[in-house]
Amino acid sequence: MGLIVAYLSVPPFILTLGGLSVFASLALVVSQNTPIPVRDGLSSWGFGSWLGLRAPVVMLLVVAR
């Protein structure tokens, strides 16, 4: 992507949006339009509750500290 921005003078924001579209479409083709499930261990990071608080809030407090 950096080479395209440098040598073809494509604005980085436009290239990022275009790349997102291409890679998202490629992911759908590779997975044959089938959702790939998230393992149970990882779903608690986004949707779980730790120490009585939502998991993302706990992660924010740890990182911000």
PDB file of N, CA and C in Angstrom:
ATOM      1  N   MET A   1       0.818  -1.190   0.000  1.00  0.00           N
ATOM      2  CA  MET A   1       0.000   0.000   0.000  1.00  0.00           C
ATOM      3  C   MET A   1       0.864   1.257   0.000  1.00  0.00           C
ATOM      4  N   GLY A   2       1.954   1.183   0.742  1.00  0.00           N
ATOM      5  CA  GLY A   2       2.851   2.334   0.791  1.00  0.00           C
ATOM      6  C   GLY A   2       3.478   2.643  -0.555  1.00  0.00           C
ATOM      7  N   LEU A   3       3.799   1.606  -1.301  1.00  0.00           N
ATOM      8  CA  LEU A   3       4.377   1.821  -2.629  1.00  0.00           C
ATOM      9  C   LEU A   3       3.371   2.475  -3.575  1.00  0.00           C
ATOM     10  N   ILE A   4       2.122   2.088  -3.455  1.00  0.00           N
ATOM     11  CA  ILE A   4       1.088   2.682  -4.315  1.00  0.00           C
ATOM     12  C   ILE A   4       0.926   4.154  -3.986  1.00  0.00           C
ATOM     13  N   VAL A   5       0.933   4.490  -2.697  1.00  0.00           N
ATOM     14  CA  VAL A   5       0.819   5.893  -2.291  1.00  0.00           C
ATOM     15  C   VAL A   5       2.034   6.683  -2.779  1.00  0.00           C
ATOM     16  N   ALA A   6       3.226   6.100  -2.624  1.00  0.00           N
ATOM     17  CA  ALA A   6       4.458   6.818  -2.970  1.00  0.00           C
ATOM     18  C   ALA A   6       4.626   7.005  -4.471  1.00  0.00           C
ATOM     19  N   TYR A   7       4.410   5.942  -5.240  1.00  0.00           N
ATOM     20  CA  TYR A   7       4.729   6.021  -6.660  1.00  0.00           C
ATOM     21  C   TYR A   7       3.562   6.452  -7.543  1.00  0.00           C
ATOM     22  N   LEU A   8       2.347   6.187  -7.130  1.00  0.00           N
ATOM     23  CA  LEU A   8       1.194   6.549  -7.963  1.00  0.00           C
ATOM     24  C   LEU A   8       0.444   7.770  -7.439  1.00  0.00           C
ATOM     25  N   SER A   9       0.891   8.291  -6.308  1.00  0.00           N
ATOM     26  CA  SER A   9       0.302   9.497  -5.699  1.00  0.00           C
ATOM     27  C   SER A   9      -1.192   9.349  -5.414  1.00  0.00           C
ATOM     28  N   VAL A  10      -1.599   8.166  -4.981  1.00  0.00           N
ATOM     29  CA  VAL A  10      -2.989   7.937  -4.581  1.00  0.00           C
ATOM     30  C   VAL A  10      -3.126   8.417  -3.137  1.00  0.00           C
ATOM     31  N   PRO A  11      -4.166   9.185  -2.820  1.00  0.00           N
ATOM     32  CA  PRO A  11      -4.340   9.625  -1.438  1.00  0.00           C
ATOM     33  C   PRO A  11      -4.475   8.422  -0.487  1.00  0.00           C
ATOM     34  N   PRO A  12      -3.773   8.437   0.652  1.00  0.00           N
ATOM     35  CA  PRO A  12      -3.780   7.290   1.564  1.00  0.00           C
ATOM     36  C   PRO A  12      -5.173   6.912   2.065  1.00  0.00           C
ATOM     37  N   PHE A  13      -6.017   7.901   2.319  1.00  0.00           N
ATOM     38  CA  PHE A  13      -7.361   7.603   2.827  1.00  0.00           C
ATOM     39  C   PHE A  13      -8.170   6.833   1.793  1.00  0.00           C
ATOM     40  N   ILE A  14      -8.096   7.254   0.544  1.00  0.00           N
ATOM     41  CA  ILE A  14      -8.829   6.580  -0.528  1.00  0.00           C
ATOM     42  C   ILE A  14      -8.294   5.162  -0.710  1.00  0.00           C
ATOM     43  N   LEU A  15      -6.984   5.000  -0.658  1.00  0.00           N
ATOM     44  CA  LEU A  15      -6.389   3.678  -0.800  1.00  0.00           C
ATOM     45  C   LEU A  15      -6.782   2.767   0.361  1.00  0.00           C
ATOM     46  N   THR A  16      -6.874   3.317   1.561  1.00  0.00           N
ATOM     47  CA  THR A  16      -7.290   2.532   2.717  1.00  0.00           C
ATOM     48  C   THR A  16      -8.725   2.041   2.558  1.00  0.00           C
ATOM     49  N   LEU A  17      -9.613   2.904   2.126  1.00  0.00           N
ATOM     50  CA  LEU A  17     -11.002   2.488   1.911  1.00  0.00           C
ATOM     51  C   LEU A  17     -11.105   1.446   0.804  1.00  0.00           C
ATOM     52  N   GLY A  18     -10.377   1.647  -0.264  1.00  0.00           N
ATOM     53  CA  GLY A  18     -10.385   0.673  -1.360  1.00  0.00           C
ATOM     54  C   GLY A  18      -9.801  -0.663  -0.928  1.00  0.00           C
ATOM     55  N   GLY A  19      -8.708  -0.620  -0.174  1.00  0.00           N
ATOM     56  CA  GLY A  19      -8.089  -1.849   0.319  1.00  0.00           C
ATOM     57  C   GLY A  19      -9.005  -2.602   1.257  1.00  0.00           C
ATOM     58  N   LEU A  20      -9.712  -1.871   2.120  1.00  0.00           N
ATOM     59  CA  LEU A  20     -10.670  -2.503   3.024  1.00  0.00           C
ATOM     60  C   LEU A  20     -11.742  -3.244   2.237  1.00  0.00           C
ATOM     61  N   SER A  21     -12.237  -2.619   1.188  1.00  0.00           N
ATOM     62  CA  SER A  21     -13.253  -3.250   0.358  1.00  0.00           C
ATOM     63  C   SER A  21     -12.714  -4.512  -0.326  1.00  0.00           C
ATOM     64  N   VAL A  22     -11.511  -4.419  -0.862  1.00  0.00           N
ATOM     65  CA  VAL A  22     -10.914  -5.569  -1.548  1.00  0.00           C
ATOM     66  C   VAL A  22     -10.668  -6.713  -0.576  1.00  0.00           C
ATOM     67  N   PHE A  23     -10.070  -6.428   0.586  1.00  0.00           N
ATOM     68  CA  PHE A  23      -9.746  -7.494   1.534  1.00  0.00           C
ATOM     69  C   PHE A  23     -10.988  -8.090   2.184  1.00  0.00           C
ATOM     70  N   ALA A  24     -12.018  -7.282   2.423  1.00  0.00           N
ATOM     71  CA  ALA A  24     -13.264  -7.817   2.969  1.00  0.00           C
ATOM     72  C   ALA A  24     -13.939  -8.738   1.949  1.00  0.00           C
ATOM     73  N   SER A  25     -13.920  -8.340   0.680  1.00  0.00           N
ATOM     74  CA  SER A  25     -14.489  -9.188  -0.372  1.00  0.00           C
ATOM     75  C   SER A  25     -13.696 -10.477  -0.524  1.00  0.00           C
ATOM     76  N   LEU A  26     -12.387 -10.381  -0.443  1.00  0.00           N
ATOM     77  CA  LEU A  26     -11.540 -11.566  -0.533  1.00  0.00           C
ATOM     78  C   LEU A  26     -11.812 -12.526   0.628  1.00  0.00           C
ATOM     79  N   ALA A  27     -12.035 -11.985   1.820  1.00  0.00           N
ATOM     80  CA  ALA A  27     -12.353 -12.833   2.970  1.00  0.00           C
ATOM     81  C   ALA A  27     -13.671 -13.569   2.761  1.00  0.00           C
ATOM     82  N   LEU A  28     -14.656 -12.914   2.160  1.00  0.00           N
ATOM     83  CA  LEU A  28     -15.931 -13.576   1.869  1.00  0.00           C
ATOM     84  C   LEU A  28     -15.754 -14.693   0.847  1.00  0.00           C
ATOM     85  N   VAL A  29     -14.922 -14.455  -0.154  1.00  0.00           N
ATOM     86  CA  VAL A  29     -14.694 -15.475  -1.179  1.00  0.00           C
ATOM     87  C   VAL A  29     -13.973 -16.678  -0.568  1.00  0.00           C
ATOM     88  N   VAL A  30     -12.952 -16.432   0.228  1.00  0.00           N
ATOM     89  CA  VAL A  30     -12.170 -17.521   0.818  1.00  0.00           C
ATOM     90  C   VAL A  30     -13.026 -18.352   1.771  1.00  0.00           C
ATOM     91  N   SER A  31     -13.889 -17.673   2.557  1.00  0.00           N
ATOM     92  CA  SER A  31     -14.722 -18.396   3.519  1.00  0.00           C
ATOM     93  C   SER A  31     -16.012 -18.926   2.897  1.00  0.00           C
ATOM     94  N   GLN A  32     -16.177 -18.749   1.600  1.00  0.00           N
ATOM     95  CA  GLN A  32     -17.379 -19.177   0.873  1.00  0.00           C
ATOM     96  C   GLN A  32     -18.644 -18.591   1.495  1.00  0.00           C
ATOM     97  N   ASN A  33     -18.556 -17.343   1.894  1.00  0.00           N
ATOM     98  CA  ASN A  33     -19.667 -16.576   2.464  1.00  0.00           C
ATOM     99  C   ASN A  33     -20.240 -17.229   3.723  1.00  0.00           C
ATOM    100  N   THR A  34     -19.394 -17.928   4.459  1.00  0.00           N
ATOM    101  CA  THR A  34     -19.797 -18.583   5.699  1.00  0.00           C
ATOM    102  C   THR A  34     -19.138 -17.869   6.865  1.00  0.00           C
ATOM    103  N   PRO A  35     -19.914 -17.478   7.871  1.00  0.00           N
ATOM    104  CA  PRO A  35     -19.289 -16.812   9.018  1.00  0.00           C
ATOM    105  C   PRO A  35     -18.348 -17.760   9.757  1.00  0.00           C
ATOM    106  N   ILE A  36     -17.244 -17.228  10.211  1.00  0.00           N
ATOM    107  CA  ILE A  36     -16.272 -18.016  10.962  1.00  0.00           C
ATOM    108  C   ILE A  36     -16.505 -17.725  12.446  1.00  0.00           C
ATOM    109  N   PRO A  37     -16.861 -18.728  13.226  1.00  0.00           N
ATOM    110  CA  PRO A  37     -17.197 -18.468  14.633  1.00  0.00           C
ATOM    111  C   PRO A  37     -15.969 -18.089  15.450  1.00  0.00           C
ATOM    112  N   VAL A  38     -16.203 -17.247  16.431  1.00  0.00           N
ATOM    113  CA  VAL A  38     -15.154 -16.860  17.371  1.00  0.00           C
ATOM    114  C   VAL A  38     -15.102 -17.912  18.464  1.00  0.00           C
ATOM    115  N   ARG A  39     -13.893 -18.308  18.825  1.00  0.00           N
ATOM    116  CA  ARG A  39     -13.771 -19.296  19.890  1.00  0.00           C
ATOM    117  C   ARG A  39     -14.330 -18.737  21.192  1.00  0.00           C
ATOM    118  N   ASP A  40     -14.815 -19.632  22.049  1.00  0.00           N
ATOM    119  CA  ASP A  40     -15.446 -19.214  23.297  1.00  0.00           C
ATOM    120  C   ASP A  40     -14.523 -18.384  24.173  1.00  0.00           C
ATOM    121  N   GLY A  41     -13.252 -18.697  24.201  1.00  0.00           N
ATOM    122  CA  GLY A  41     -12.309 -17.968  25.035  1.00  0.00           C
ATOM    123  C   GLY A  41     -12.162 -16.507  24.631  1.00  0.00           C
ATOM    124  N   LEU A  42     -12.259 -16.226  23.339  1.00  0.00           N
ATOM    125  CA  LEU A  42     -12.103 -14.851  22.870  1.00  0.00           C
ATOM    126  C   LEU A  42     -13.375 -14.030  22.996  1.00  0.00           C
ATOM    127  N   SER A  43     -14.525 -14.664  22.973  1.00  0.00           N
ATOM    128  CA  SER A  43     -15.768 -13.896  23.048  1.00  0.00           C
ATOM    129  C   SER A  43     -15.938 -13.229  24.408  1.00  0.00           C
ATOM    130  N   SER A  44     -15.328 -13.777  25.442  1.00  0.00           N
ATOM    131  CA  SER A  44     -15.459 -13.145  26.763  1.00  0.00           C
ATOM    132  C   SER A  44     -14.697 -11.825  26.823  1.00  0.00           C
ATOM    133  N   TRP A  45     -13.727 -11.621  25.934  1.00  0.00           N
ATOM    134  CA  TRP A  45     -12.978 -10.366  25.940  1.00  0.00           C
ATOM    135  C   TRP A  45     -13.852  -9.198  25.486  1.00  0.00           C
ATOM    136  N   GLY A  46     -14.755  -9.434  24.582  1.00  0.00           N
ATOM    137  CA  GLY A  46     -15.599  -8.354  24.080  1.00  0.00           C
ATOM    138  C   GLY A  46     -16.962  -8.296  24.726  1.00  0.00           C
ATOM    139  N   PHE A  47     -17.460  -9.445  25.176  1.00  0.00           N
ATOM    140  CA  PHE A  47     -18.831  -9.492  25.677  1.00  0.00           C
ATOM    141  C   PHE A  47     -18.933  -9.952  27.120  1.00  0.00           C
ATOM    142  N   GLY A  48     -17.815 -10.327  27.715  1.00  0.00           N
ATOM    143  CA  GLY A  48     -17.831 -10.874  29.069  1.00  0.00           C
ATOM    144  C   GLY A  48     -17.884  -9.813  30.144  1.00  0.00           C
ATOM    145  N   SER A  49     -17.858 -10.288  31.359  1.00  0.00           N
ATOM    146  CA  SER A  49     -17.874  -9.411  32.516  1.00  0.00           C
ATOM    147  C   SER A  49     -16.789  -9.887  33.467  1.00  0.00           C
ATOM    148  N   TRP A  50     -15.884  -8.988  33.836  1.00  0.00           N
ATOM    149  CA  TRP A  50     -14.793  -9.306  34.749  1.00  0.00           C
ATOM    150  C   TRP A  50     -14.881  -8.374  35.948  1.00  0.00           C
ATOM    151  N   LEU A  51     -14.762  -8.921  37.118  1.00  0.00           N
ATOM    152  CA  LEU A  51     -14.772  -8.140  38.357  1.00  0.00           C
ATOM    153  C   LEU A  51     -16.023  -7.270  38.478  1.00  0.00           C
ATOM    154  N   GLY A  52     -17.117  -7.735  37.927  1.00  0.00           N
ATOM    155  CA  GLY A  52     -18.375  -6.998  37.998  1.00  0.00           C
ATOM    156  C   GLY A  52     -18.506  -5.891  36.971  1.00  0.00           C
ATOM    157  N   LEU A  53     -17.510  -5.697  36.129  1.00  0.00           N
ATOM    158  CA  LEU A  53     -17.556  -4.684  35.075  1.00  0.00           C
ATOM    159  C   LEU A  53     -17.462  -5.367  33.722  1.00  0.00           C
ATOM    160  N   ARG A  54     -17.936  -4.678  32.690  1.00  0.00           N
ATOM    161  CA  ARG A  54     -17.798  -5.217  31.335  1.00  0.00           C
ATOM    162  C   ARG A  54     -16.314  -5.340  31.004  1.00  0.00           C
ATOM    163  N   ALA A  55     -15.945  -6.373  30.275  1.00  0.00           N
ATOM    164  CA  ALA A  55     -14.546  -6.666  29.976  1.00  0.00           C
ATOM    165  C   ALA A  55     -13.822  -5.512  29.279  1.00  0.00           C
ATOM    166  N   PRO A  56     -14.419  -4.838  28.280  1.00  0.00           N
ATOM    167  CA  PRO A  56     -13.699  -3.724  27.654  1.00  0.00           C
ATOM    168  C   PRO A  56     -13.400  -2.585  28.632  1.00  0.00           C
ATOM    169  N   VAL A  57     -14.274  -2.378  29.606  1.00  0.00           N
ATOM    170  CA  VAL A  57     -14.036  -1.328  30.602  1.00  0.00           C
ATOM    171  C   VAL A  57     -12.836  -1.695  31.469  1.00  0.00           C
ATOM    172  N   VAL A  58     -12.749  -2.957  31.864  1.00  0.00           N
ATOM    173  CA  VAL A  58     -11.610  -3.417  32.664  1.00  0.00           C
ATOM    174  C   VAL A  58     -10.315  -3.258  31.860  1.00  0.00           C
ATOM    175  N   MET A  59     -10.336  -3.626  30.588  1.00  0.00           N
ATOM    176  CA  MET A  59      -9.139  -3.481  29.750  1.00  0.00           C
ATOM    177  C   MET A  59      -8.743  -2.007  29.609  1.00  0.00           C
ATOM    178  N   LEU A  60      -9.723  -1.125  29.460  1.00  0.00           N
ATOM    179  CA  LEU A  60      -9.443   0.306  29.360  1.00  0.00           C
ATOM    180  C   LEU A  60      -8.792   0.812  30.637  1.00  0.00           C
ATOM    181  N   LEU A  61      -9.308   0.394  31.781  1.00  0.00           N
ATOM    182  CA  LEU A  61      -8.743   0.837  33.045  1.00  0.00           C
ATOM    183  C   LEU A  61      -7.315   0.330  33.234  1.00  0.00           C
ATOM    184  N   VAL A  62      -7.049  -0.898  32.801  1.00  0.00           N
ATOM    185  CA  VAL A  62      -5.694  -1.442  32.935  1.00  0.00           C
ATOM    186  C   VAL A  62      -4.731  -0.694  32.006  1.00  0.00           C
ATOM    187  N   VAL A  63      -5.141  -0.431  30.785  1.00  0.00           N
ATOM    188  CA  VAL A  63      -4.265   0.239  29.835  1.00  0.00           C
ATOM    189  C   VAL A  63      -4.071   1.712  30.198  1.00  0.00           C
ATOM    190  N   ALA A  64      -5.114   2.371  30.662  1.00  0.00           N
ATOM    191  CA  ALA A  64      -5.039   3.786  30.989  1.00  0.00           C
ATOM    192  C   ALA A  64      -4.262   4.049  32.279  1.00  0.00           C
ATOM    193  N   ARG A  65      -4.111   3.031  33.070  1.00  0.00           N
ATOM    194  CA  ARG A  65      -3.415   3.206  34.336  1.00  0.00           C
ATOM    195  C   ARG A  65      -1.979   3.414  34.085  1.00  0.00           C
TER     196      ARG A  65
END
